[in-house]
Amino acid sequence: MLRDEVAGTAATIGLRLAGDKTRTVHIDDGFDFLGWHIQRHTQWGSSRRLVYTYPSDTAVKTARSKIKALTGRQTMNTNPRTVFILLGQALRGWTTYFRHGASKITFSELDHYLWHRVWKWLRRRHRRRHWRWIARTYGNPRNRWGFTADGVDLFNPAKVPIQRYRYRGNTIPTPWSSRPVQATA
């Protein structure tokens, strides 16, 4: 019944449901959609139950694999400035897409992972140098924990501000909003 109703609504705008890809799940179990994981949780410090959207595990693994590829052995002879630029481009786009959800913890974890990957990459790149030399050479004087190479600062995902959507779900018109609510006995 629900699937038929959704299929009818989608058909009015020229869409159709794919039977093998469409599944019905409870909102407490959550589901992944376009890189987001959507699930209802209890709000911290409250008993309210709210629907949260945050990056899915697959999306986080994809971002981590990009970081790993750019700080791997194949980029050992690449200029650190170039690597920092490529890391910034990849992560800036990724965090811009996911900044509209509950992503702050994910961004902080990604920043931690990035810092350690870059530190290991620099240590492998300069095997004969002491770690203090690496910290003096690539340390960012403006940011205690950041890195810089030839004037290019390493992008910090944890500093990306979270910006909620301007419109809430109850202000966006839907085909179901005009339907009268049925009272239950």
N, C-alpha and C. Protein backbone atom coordinates (compact mmCIF):
# COMPACT_ATOMS: atom_id res chain seq x y z
N MET A 1 0.82 -1.18 0.00
CA MET A 1 0.00 0.00 0.00
C MET A 1 0.87 1.26 0.00
N LEU A 2 1.83 1.33 0.88
CA LEU A 2 2.71 2.49 0.94
C LEU A 2 3.53 2.61 -0.33
N ARG A 3 4.03 1.47 -0.82
CA ARG A 3 4.83 1.47 -2.04
C ARG A 3 4.00 1.93 -3.24
N ASP A 4 2.75 1.51 -3.30
CA ASP A 4 1.87 1.94 -4.40
C ASP A 4 1.60 3.43 -4.33
N GLU A 5 1.42 3.95 -3.12
CA GLU A 5 1.17 5.38 -2.95
C GLU A 5 2.38 6.21 -3.36
N VAL A 6 3.57 5.76 -2.95
CA VAL A 6 4.79 6.46 -3.33
C VAL A 6 5.02 6.37 -4.83
N ALA A 7 4.77 5.21 -5.43
CA ALA A 7 4.93 5.03 -6.87
C ALA A 7 3.98 5.94 -7.64
N GLY A 8 2.75 6.08 -7.14
CA GLY A 8 1.79 6.98 -7.79
C GLY A 8 2.22 8.43 -7.71
N THR A 9 2.73 8.84 -6.58
CA THR A 9 3.21 10.21 -6.42
C THR A 9 4.43 10.47 -7.30
N ALA A 10 5.34 9.51 -7.36
CA ALA A 10 6.55 9.66 -8.18
C ALA A 10 6.20 9.67 -9.67
N ALA A 11 5.16 8.93 -10.05
CA ALA A 11 4.76 8.88 -11.46
C ALA A 11 4.25 10.24 -11.96
N THR A 12 3.68 11.05 -11.07
CA THR A 12 3.17 12.36 -11.50
C THR A 12 4.29 13.30 -11.95
N ILE A 13 5.52 13.05 -11.49
CA ILE A 13 6.64 13.89 -11.93
C ILE A 13 7.58 13.14 -12.86
N GLY A 14 7.12 12.00 -13.39
CA GLY A 14 7.88 11.26 -14.39
C GLY A 14 8.91 10.30 -13.84
N LEU A 15 8.79 9.89 -12.60
CA LEU A 15 9.73 8.94 -12.01
C LEU A 15 9.03 7.61 -11.76
N ARG A 16 9.82 6.56 -11.69
CA ARG A 16 9.26 5.26 -11.35
C ARG A 16 10.20 4.56 -10.38
N LEU A 17 9.63 3.73 -9.53
CA LEU A 17 10.41 3.00 -8.54
C LEU A 17 11.01 1.75 -9.17
N ALA A 18 12.26 1.50 -8.85
CA ALA A 18 12.91 0.26 -9.27
C ALA A 18 12.65 -0.78 -8.19
N GLY A 19 11.95 -1.84 -8.54
CA GLY A 19 11.54 -2.84 -7.55
C GLY A 19 12.69 -3.52 -6.85
N ASP A 20 13.81 -3.76 -7.56
CA ASP A 20 14.93 -4.45 -6.94
C ASP A 20 15.76 -3.54 -6.05
N LYS A 21 15.66 -2.22 -6.22
CA LYS A 21 16.43 -1.28 -5.41
C LYS A 21 15.62 -0.66 -4.28
N THR A 22 14.32 -0.71 -4.38
CA THR A 22 13.45 -0.06 -3.41
C THR A 22 13.17 -1.00 -2.25
N ARG A 23 13.38 -0.49 -1.05
CA ARG A 23 13.07 -1.26 0.14
C ARG A 23 12.46 -0.33 1.18
N THR A 24 11.67 -0.89 2.06
CA THR A 24 11.03 -0.14 3.12
C THR A 24 11.70 -0.51 4.44
N VAL A 25 12.21 0.51 5.14
CA VAL A 25 12.87 0.28 6.42
C VAL A 25 12.26 1.21 7.46
N HIS A 26 12.45 0.84 8.71
CA HIS A 26 12.01 1.70 9.79
C HIS A 26 13.03 2.81 9.98
N ILE A 27 12.59 4.00 10.28
CA ILE A 27 13.48 5.16 10.41
C ILE A 27 14.46 4.99 11.56
N ASP A 28 14.12 4.17 12.57
CA ASP A 28 15.05 3.90 13.66
C ASP A 28 16.23 3.04 13.21
N ASP A 29 16.01 2.21 12.18
CA ASP A 29 17.09 1.39 11.62
C ASP A 29 18.00 2.21 10.71
N GLY A 30 17.43 3.21 10.07
CA GLY A 30 18.20 4.09 9.20
C GLY A 30 18.43 3.51 7.82
N PHE A 31 18.84 4.39 6.91
CA PHE A 31 19.13 3.98 5.53
C PHE A 31 20.12 4.96 4.92
N ASP A 32 20.81 4.51 3.89
CA ASP A 32 21.77 5.35 3.18
C ASP A 32 21.13 5.87 1.90
N PHE A 33 21.36 7.16 1.62
CA PHE A 33 20.81 7.77 0.42
C PHE A 33 21.74 8.89 -0.01
N LEU A 34 22.30 8.79 -1.21
CA LEU A 34 23.18 9.80 -1.80
C LEU A 34 24.36 10.15 -0.89
N GLY A 35 24.94 9.15 -0.26
CA GLY A 35 26.09 9.37 0.60
C GLY A 35 25.74 9.73 2.04
N TRP A 36 24.47 9.95 2.32
CA TRP A 36 24.03 10.30 3.67
C TRP A 36 23.47 9.06 4.35
N HIS A 37 23.63 8.99 5.67
CA HIS A 37 22.95 7.99 6.47
C HIS A 37 21.87 8.74 7.25
N ILE A 38 20.63 8.34 7.07
CA ILE A 38 19.50 9.02 7.68
C ILE A 38 18.89 8.08 8.71
N GLN A 39 18.81 8.56 9.95
CA GLN A 39 18.34 7.70 11.04
C GLN A 39 17.80 8.55 12.18
N ARG A 40 16.82 8.01 12.89
CA ARG A 40 16.26 8.71 14.04
C ARG A 40 16.99 8.28 15.31
N HIS A 41 17.40 9.26 16.10
CA HIS A 41 18.10 9.02 17.36
C HIS A 41 17.47 9.87 18.45
N THR A 42 17.79 9.55 19.69
CA THR A 42 17.42 10.40 20.80
C THR A 42 18.41 11.55 20.88
N GLN A 43 17.90 12.75 21.01
CA GLN A 43 18.77 13.92 21.07
C GLN A 43 19.61 13.89 22.35
N TRP A 44 20.86 14.30 22.23
CA TRP A 44 21.74 14.33 23.40
C TRP A 44 21.20 15.28 24.45
N GLY A 45 21.14 14.83 25.68
CA GLY A 45 20.69 15.67 26.78
C GLY A 45 19.19 15.89 26.81
N SER A 46 18.43 15.11 26.06
CA SER A 46 16.99 15.29 25.99
C SER A 46 16.35 13.93 25.74
N SER A 47 15.03 13.90 25.83
CA SER A 47 14.33 12.66 25.50
C SER A 47 13.65 12.77 24.14
N ARG A 48 13.89 13.86 23.43
CA ARG A 48 13.29 14.04 22.10
C ARG A 48 13.93 13.10 21.09
N ARG A 49 13.12 12.60 20.18
CA ARG A 49 13.61 11.73 19.11
C ARG A 49 13.60 12.53 17.82
N LEU A 50 14.77 12.71 17.23
CA LEU A 50 14.93 13.51 16.03
C LEU A 50 15.58 12.71 14.92
N VAL A 51 15.31 13.10 13.68
CA VAL A 51 15.92 12.46 12.52
C VAL A 51 17.22 13.20 12.20
N TYR A 52 18.32 12.45 12.15
CA TYR A 52 19.63 13.03 11.86
C TYR A 52 20.13 12.53 10.51
N THR A 53 20.84 13.37 9.82
CA THR A 53 21.53 12.99 8.59
C THR A 53 23.01 13.24 8.80
N TYR A 54 23.81 12.22 8.52
CA TYR A 54 25.25 12.35 8.65
C TYR A 54 25.90 11.50 7.57
N PRO A 55 27.19 11.72 7.29
CA PRO A 55 27.84 10.96 6.21
C PRO A 55 27.80 9.46 6.47
N SER A 56 27.50 8.70 5.42
CA SER A 56 27.44 7.25 5.55
C SER A 56 28.85 6.68 5.70
N ASP A 57 28.93 5.46 6.17
CA ASP A 57 30.22 4.79 6.34
C ASP A 57 30.94 4.66 4.99
N THR A 58 30.19 4.41 3.94
CA THR A 58 30.78 4.28 2.60
C THR A 58 31.41 5.59 2.16
N ALA A 59 30.74 6.71 2.43
CA ALA A 59 31.28 8.02 2.05
C ALA A 59 32.55 8.34 2.83
N VAL A 60 32.58 7.98 4.11
CA VAL A 60 33.77 8.24 4.92
C VAL A 60 34.93 7.37 4.44
N LYS A 61 34.65 6.11 4.10
CA LYS A 61 35.70 5.23 3.58
C LYS A 61 36.25 5.75 2.26
N THR A 62 35.39 6.33 1.44
CA THR A 62 35.85 6.91 0.18
C THR A 62 36.78 8.09 0.43
N ALA A 63 36.42 8.95 1.36
CA ALA A 63 37.29 10.09 1.69
C ALA A 63 38.62 9.63 2.26
N ARG A 64 38.59 8.62 3.13
CA ARG A 64 39.83 8.09 3.69
C ARG A 64 40.70 7.45 2.61
N SER A 65 40.08 6.79 1.65
CA SER A 65 40.88 6.16 0.59
C SER A 65 41.53 7.23 -0.31
N LYS A 66 40.87 8.37 -0.49
CA LYS A 66 41.49 9.47 -1.25
C LYS A 66 42.71 10.01 -0.50
N ILE A 67 42.56 10.18 0.81
CA ILE A 67 43.69 10.65 1.61
C ILE A 67 44.83 9.64 1.54
N LYS A 68 44.51 8.38 1.67
CA LYS A 68 45.53 7.33 1.64
C LYS A 68 46.24 7.29 0.30
N ALA A 69 45.49 7.46 -0.79
CA ALA A 69 46.09 7.45 -2.12
C ALA A 69 47.03 8.64 -2.33
N LEU A 70 46.64 9.81 -1.81
CA LEU A 70 47.46 11.01 -2.00
C LEU A 70 48.65 11.06 -1.05
N THR A 71 48.66 10.25 0.00
CA THR A 71 49.80 10.23 0.93
C THR A 71 50.47 8.87 0.93
N GLY A 72 50.32 8.14 -0.16
CA GLY A 72 50.92 6.81 -0.26
C GLY A 72 52.33 6.87 -0.83
N ARG A 73 52.89 5.72 -1.03
CA ARG A 73 54.27 5.62 -1.53
C ARG A 73 54.42 6.14 -2.95
N GLN A 74 53.38 6.09 -3.75
CA GLN A 74 53.48 6.53 -5.14
C GLN A 74 53.64 8.05 -5.25
N THR A 75 53.34 8.79 -4.19
CA THR A 75 53.50 10.26 -4.22
C THR A 75 54.74 10.70 -3.44
N MET A 76 55.64 9.79 -3.17
CA MET A 76 56.82 10.10 -2.35
C MET A 76 57.69 11.17 -3.02
N ASN A 77 57.79 11.16 -4.33
CA ASN A 77 58.64 12.13 -5.03
C ASN A 77 57.89 13.39 -5.44
N THR A 78 56.62 13.49 -5.08
CA THR A 78 55.82 14.65 -5.41
C THR A 78 56.10 15.77 -4.41
N ASN A 79 56.10 16.98 -4.91
CA ASN A 79 56.33 18.15 -4.07
C ASN A 79 55.23 18.22 -2.98
N PRO A 80 55.59 18.44 -1.71
CA PRO A 80 54.56 18.53 -0.65
C PRO A 80 53.52 19.61 -0.92
N ARG A 81 53.91 20.70 -1.54
CA ARG A 81 52.95 21.76 -1.89
C ARG A 81 51.85 21.20 -2.78
N THR A 82 52.24 20.42 -3.80
CA THR A 82 51.27 19.81 -4.71
C THR A 82 50.36 18.83 -3.98
N VAL A 83 50.93 18.03 -3.09
CA VAL A 83 50.12 17.07 -2.34
C VAL A 83 49.13 17.81 -1.44
N PHE A 84 49.56 18.89 -0.79
CA PHE A 84 48.66 19.66 0.07
C PHE A 84 47.53 20.29 -0.74
N ILE A 85 47.84 20.76 -1.95
CA ILE A 85 46.80 21.33 -2.81
C ILE A 85 45.79 20.26 -3.21
N LEU A 86 46.27 19.09 -3.62
CA LEU A 86 45.37 18.01 -4.03
C LEU A 86 44.52 17.51 -2.86
N LEU A 87 45.11 17.39 -1.69
CA LEU A 87 44.34 17.00 -0.50
C LEU A 87 43.28 18.05 -0.19
N GLY A 88 43.64 19.32 -0.28
CA GLY A 88 42.68 20.39 -0.01
C GLY A 88 41.52 20.39 -0.99
N GLN A 89 41.82 20.16 -2.26
CA GLN A 89 40.75 20.13 -3.26
C GLN A 89 39.78 18.98 -3.00
N ALA A 90 40.32 17.81 -2.74
CA ALA A 90 39.46 16.64 -2.51
C ALA A 90 38.62 16.81 -1.25
N LEU A 91 39.25 17.24 -0.16
CA LEU A 91 38.52 17.32 1.11
C LEU A 91 37.61 18.54 1.19
N ARG A 92 37.97 19.61 0.53
CA ARG A 92 37.11 20.80 0.55
C ARG A 92 35.78 20.50 -0.13
N GLY A 93 35.83 19.79 -1.26
CA GLY A 93 34.59 19.41 -1.94
C GLY A 93 33.76 18.44 -1.12
N TRP A 94 34.44 17.47 -0.51
CA TRP A 94 33.74 16.46 0.29
C TRP A 94 33.06 17.10 1.50
N THR A 95 33.78 17.97 2.22
CA THR A 95 33.19 18.60 3.41
C THR A 95 32.11 19.62 3.04
N THR A 96 32.24 20.25 1.89
CA THR A 96 31.20 21.20 1.46
C THR A 96 29.89 20.46 1.21
N TYR A 97 29.97 19.26 0.64
CA TYR A 97 28.77 18.48 0.40
C TYR A 97 28.12 18.03 1.71
N PHE A 98 28.94 17.61 2.68
CA PHE A 98 28.41 17.03 3.91
C PHE A 98 28.26 18.03 5.05
N ARG A 99 28.46 19.31 4.84
CA ARG A 99 28.39 20.26 5.94
C ARG A 99 26.96 20.59 6.36
N HIS A 100 25.97 20.09 5.66
CA HIS A 100 24.58 20.41 5.97
C HIS A 100 23.93 19.40 6.92
N GLY A 101 24.68 18.44 7.39
CA GLY A 101 24.13 17.45 8.31
C GLY A 101 24.86 17.49 9.64
N ALA A 102 24.66 16.46 10.42
CA ALA A 102 25.33 16.34 11.72
C ALA A 102 26.70 15.70 11.47
N SER A 103 27.64 16.50 10.95
CA SER A 103 28.90 15.98 10.45
C SER A 103 30.12 16.42 11.24
N LYS A 104 29.95 17.16 12.30
CA LYS A 104 31.09 17.73 13.01
C LYS A 104 32.03 16.66 13.56
N ILE A 105 31.49 15.61 14.15
CA ILE A 105 32.32 14.54 14.69
C ILE A 105 33.06 13.83 13.55
N THR A 106 32.39 13.60 12.44
CA THR A 106 33.03 12.96 11.29
C THR A 106 34.16 13.82 10.75
N PHE A 107 33.93 15.15 10.68
CA PHE A 107 34.98 16.05 10.19
C PHE A 107 36.19 16.03 11.13
N SER A 108 35.96 15.98 12.44
CA SER A 108 37.06 15.93 13.39
C SER A 108 37.84 14.62 13.27
N GLU A 109 37.14 13.51 13.10
CA GLU A 109 37.81 12.23 12.91
C GLU A 109 38.61 12.21 11.62
N LEU A 110 38.07 12.81 10.57
CA LEU A 110 38.77 12.88 9.29
C LEU A 110 40.01 13.76 9.39
N ASP A 111 39.91 14.84 10.16
CA ASP A 111 41.07 15.70 10.37
C ASP A 111 42.17 14.95 11.11
N HIS A 112 41.79 14.17 12.11
CA HIS A 112 42.76 13.36 12.86
C HIS A 112 43.46 12.37 11.93
N TYR A 113 42.68 11.69 11.11
CA TYR A 113 43.23 10.73 10.17
C TYR A 113 44.16 11.42 9.17
N LEU A 114 43.75 12.57 8.65
CA LEU A 114 44.56 13.33 7.69
C LEU A 114 45.88 13.74 8.30
N TRP A 115 45.86 14.26 9.52
CA TRP A 115 47.08 14.73 10.16
C TRP A 115 48.08 13.59 10.30
N HIS A 116 47.61 12.42 10.75
CA HIS A 116 48.51 11.28 10.93
C HIS A 116 49.03 10.74 9.61
N ARG A 117 48.21 10.74 8.58
CA ARG A 117 48.67 10.27 7.27
C ARG A 117 49.74 11.21 6.71
N VAL A 118 49.52 12.52 6.84
CA VAL A 118 50.50 13.48 6.32
C VAL A 118 51.78 13.41 7.14
N TRP A 119 51.66 13.26 8.45
CA TRP A 119 52.86 13.15 9.29
C TRP A 119 53.68 11.92 8.90
N LYS A 120 53.03 10.76 8.72
CA LYS A 120 53.74 9.56 8.30
C LYS A 120 54.35 9.73 6.91
N TRP A 121 53.63 10.41 6.03
CA TRP A 121 54.13 10.65 4.67
C TRP A 121 55.38 11.52 4.71
N LEU A 122 55.38 12.56 5.51
CA LEU A 122 56.56 13.42 5.64
C LEU A 122 57.73 12.67 6.27
N ARG A 123 57.45 11.83 7.25
CA ARG A 123 58.52 11.05 7.88
C ARG A 123 59.15 10.07 6.89
N ARG A 124 58.32 9.45 6.04
CA ARG A 124 58.86 8.55 5.02
C ARG A 124 59.61 9.32 3.94
N ARG A 125 59.11 10.49 3.63
CA ARG A 125 59.75 11.31 2.59
C ARG A 125 61.14 11.78 3.02
N HIS A 126 61.30 12.11 4.29
CA HIS A 126 62.57 12.61 4.83
C HIS A 126 63.08 11.62 5.87
N ARG A 127 63.49 10.45 5.43
CA ARG A 127 63.91 9.38 6.33
C ARG A 127 65.14 9.75 7.15
N ARG A 128 66.02 10.54 6.60
CA ARG A 128 67.28 10.84 7.29
C ARG A 128 67.20 12.07 8.16
N ARG A 129 66.04 12.68 8.20
CA ARG A 129 65.86 13.88 9.02
C ARG A 129 65.18 13.52 10.33
N HIS A 130 65.49 14.31 11.35
CA HIS A 130 64.87 14.12 12.66
C HIS A 130 63.46 14.69 12.63
N TRP A 131 62.60 14.16 13.49
CA TRP A 131 61.22 14.64 13.50
C TRP A 131 61.13 16.12 13.85
N ARG A 132 62.09 16.65 14.61
CA ARG A 132 62.06 18.08 14.94
C ARG A 132 62.30 18.92 13.70
N TRP A 133 63.18 18.44 12.83
CA TRP A 133 63.42 19.16 11.58
C TRP A 133 62.15 19.20 10.73
N ILE A 134 61.43 18.09 10.67
CA ILE A 134 60.17 18.04 9.91
C ILE A 134 59.16 19.01 10.53
N ALA A 135 59.08 19.03 11.85
CA ALA A 135 58.14 19.93 12.52
C ALA A 135 58.51 21.39 12.28
N ARG A 136 59.81 21.72 12.28
CA ARG A 136 60.22 23.10 12.02
C ARG A 136 60.01 23.49 10.56
N THR A 137 60.28 22.55 9.65
CA THR A 137 60.19 22.85 8.22
C THR A 137 58.75 22.94 7.74
N TYR A 138 57.91 22.01 8.16
CA TYR A 138 56.53 21.93 7.67
C TYR A 138 55.49 22.39 8.68
N GLY A 139 55.93 22.73 9.88
CA GLY A 139 54.97 23.19 10.89
C GLY A 139 54.38 24.53 10.50
N ASN A 140 53.13 24.72 10.81
CA ASN A 140 52.43 25.95 10.49
C ASN A 140 52.51 26.89 11.69
N PRO A 141 53.15 28.06 11.55
CA PRO A 141 53.26 28.96 12.71
C PRO A 141 51.92 29.54 13.15
N ARG A 142 50.94 29.59 12.25
CA ARG A 142 49.62 30.14 12.60
C ARG A 142 48.72 29.10 13.24
N ASN A 143 49.02 27.82 13.00
CA ASN A 143 48.20 26.73 13.52
C ASN A 143 49.14 25.70 14.13
N ARG A 144 49.05 25.49 15.41
CA ARG A 144 49.99 24.64 16.12
C ARG A 144 50.03 23.22 15.57
N TRP A 145 48.90 22.68 15.17
CA TRP A 145 48.85 21.30 14.72
C TRP A 145 48.82 21.16 13.20
N GLY A 146 48.90 22.24 12.46
CA GLY A 146 48.79 22.16 11.01
C GLY A 146 50.14 22.04 10.33
N PHE A 147 50.10 21.80 9.03
CA PHE A 147 51.29 21.73 8.20
C PHE A 147 51.18 22.77 7.10
N THR A 148 52.32 23.21 6.61
CA THR A 148 52.36 24.14 5.49
C THR A 148 53.57 23.80 4.63
N ALA A 149 53.45 24.02 3.33
CA ALA A 149 54.56 23.78 2.40
C ALA A 149 54.53 24.86 1.34
N ASP A 150 55.57 25.67 1.30
CA ASP A 150 55.69 26.75 0.31
C ASP A 150 54.46 27.66 0.30
N GLY A 151 53.97 27.99 1.47
CA GLY A 151 52.85 28.92 1.58
C GLY A 151 51.47 28.31 1.46
N VAL A 152 51.39 27.00 1.24
CA VAL A 152 50.09 26.32 1.12
C VAL A 152 49.84 25.57 2.42
N ASP A 153 48.78 25.95 3.12
CA ASP A 153 48.41 25.28 4.36
C ASP A 153 47.62 24.01 4.06
N LEU A 154 47.85 22.98 4.87
CA LEU A 154 47.07 21.76 4.75
C LEU A 154 45.63 22.05 5.20
N PHE A 155 44.67 21.62 4.40
CA PHE A 155 43.26 21.86 4.70
C PHE A 155 42.86 21.15 5.98
N ASN A 156 42.07 21.82 6.81
CA ASN A 156 41.63 21.26 8.09
C ASN A 156 40.12 21.02 8.03
N PRO A 157 39.67 19.78 7.85
CA PRO A 157 38.23 19.51 7.78
C PRO A 157 37.47 19.87 9.05
N ALA A 158 38.12 19.83 10.20
CA ALA A 158 37.44 20.11 11.47
C ALA A 158 37.06 21.58 11.58
N LYS A 159 37.64 22.45 10.79
CA LYS A 159 37.33 23.88 10.85
C LYS A 159 36.16 24.28 9.95
N VAL A 160 35.63 23.33 9.18
CA VAL A 160 34.51 23.62 8.29
C VAL A 160 33.25 23.83 9.13
N PRO A 161 32.60 24.99 8.99
CA PRO A 161 31.39 25.23 9.80
C PRO A 161 30.20 24.42 9.28
N ILE A 162 29.41 23.93 10.20
CA ILE A 162 28.18 23.21 9.85
C ILE A 162 27.10 24.25 9.58
N GLN A 163 26.44 24.14 8.42
CA GLN A 163 25.38 25.08 8.05
C GLN A 163 24.11 24.29 7.78
N ARG A 164 23.16 24.43 8.65
CA ARG A 164 21.89 23.72 8.48
C ARG A 164 21.11 24.33 7.32
N TYR A 165 20.24 23.53 6.76
CA TYR A 165 19.41 24.04 5.68
C TYR A 165 18.49 25.14 6.19
N ARG A 166 18.17 26.03 5.32
CA ARG A 166 17.35 27.18 5.67
C ARG A 166 15.90 26.77 5.92
N TYR A 167 15.42 25.80 5.17
CA TYR A 167 14.02 25.38 5.27
C TYR A 167 13.93 24.08 6.04
N ARG A 168 13.01 24.01 6.94
CA ARG A 168 12.77 22.79 7.70
C ARG A 168 11.77 21.92 6.95
N GLY A 169 11.69 20.68 7.34
CA GLY A 169 10.84 19.73 6.65
C GLY A 169 9.37 20.07 6.67
N ASN A 170 8.90 20.75 7.72
CA ASN A 170 7.47 21.04 7.79
C ASN A 170 7.10 22.27 6.96
N THR A 171 8.05 23.03 6.44
CA THR A 171 7.73 24.20 5.63
C THR A 171 7.83 23.90 4.14
N ILE A 172 8.37 22.75 3.76
CA ILE A 172 8.46 22.37 2.36
C ILE A 172 7.18 21.62 2.00
N PRO A 173 6.45 22.09 0.98
CA PRO A 173 5.20 21.41 0.64
C PRO A 173 5.47 20.02 0.05
N THR A 174 4.65 19.06 0.41
CA THR A 174 4.74 17.70 -0.11
C THR A 174 3.37 17.28 -0.60
N PRO A 175 3.30 16.25 -1.42
CA PRO A 175 1.98 15.77 -1.86
C PRO A 175 1.13 15.26 -0.71
N TRP A 176 1.74 14.89 0.42
CA TRP A 176 1.00 14.34 1.53
C TRP A 176 0.52 15.41 2.51
N SER A 177 1.01 16.64 2.39
CA SER A 177 0.65 17.68 3.36
C SER A 177 -0.80 18.13 3.19
N SER A 178 -1.39 17.97 2.01
CA SER A 178 -2.77 18.38 1.80
C SER A 178 -3.77 17.30 2.19
N ARG A 179 -3.29 16.09 2.47
CA ARG A 179 -4.15 14.97 2.82
C ARG A 179 -4.61 15.12 4.27
N PRO A 180 -5.89 14.89 4.57
CA PRO A 180 -6.35 14.97 5.95
C PRO A 180 -5.77 13.85 6.80
N VAL A 181 -5.47 14.16 8.04
CA VAL A 181 -4.92 13.18 8.97
C VAL A 181 -6.03 12.28 9.47
N GLN A 182 -5.78 10.96 9.45
CA GLN A 182 -6.78 10.02 9.89
C GLN A 182 -6.59 9.76 11.39
N ALA A 183 -7.67 9.85 12.13
CA ALA A 183 -7.62 9.60 13.57
C ALA A 183 -7.62 8.11 13.83
N THR A 184 -6.81 7.70 14.80
CA THR A 184 -6.79 6.28 15.16
C THR A 184 -7.63 6.06 16.41
N ALA A 185 -8.21 4.89 16.50
CA ALA A 185 -9.10 4.61 17.63
C ALA A 185 -8.36 4.22 18.86
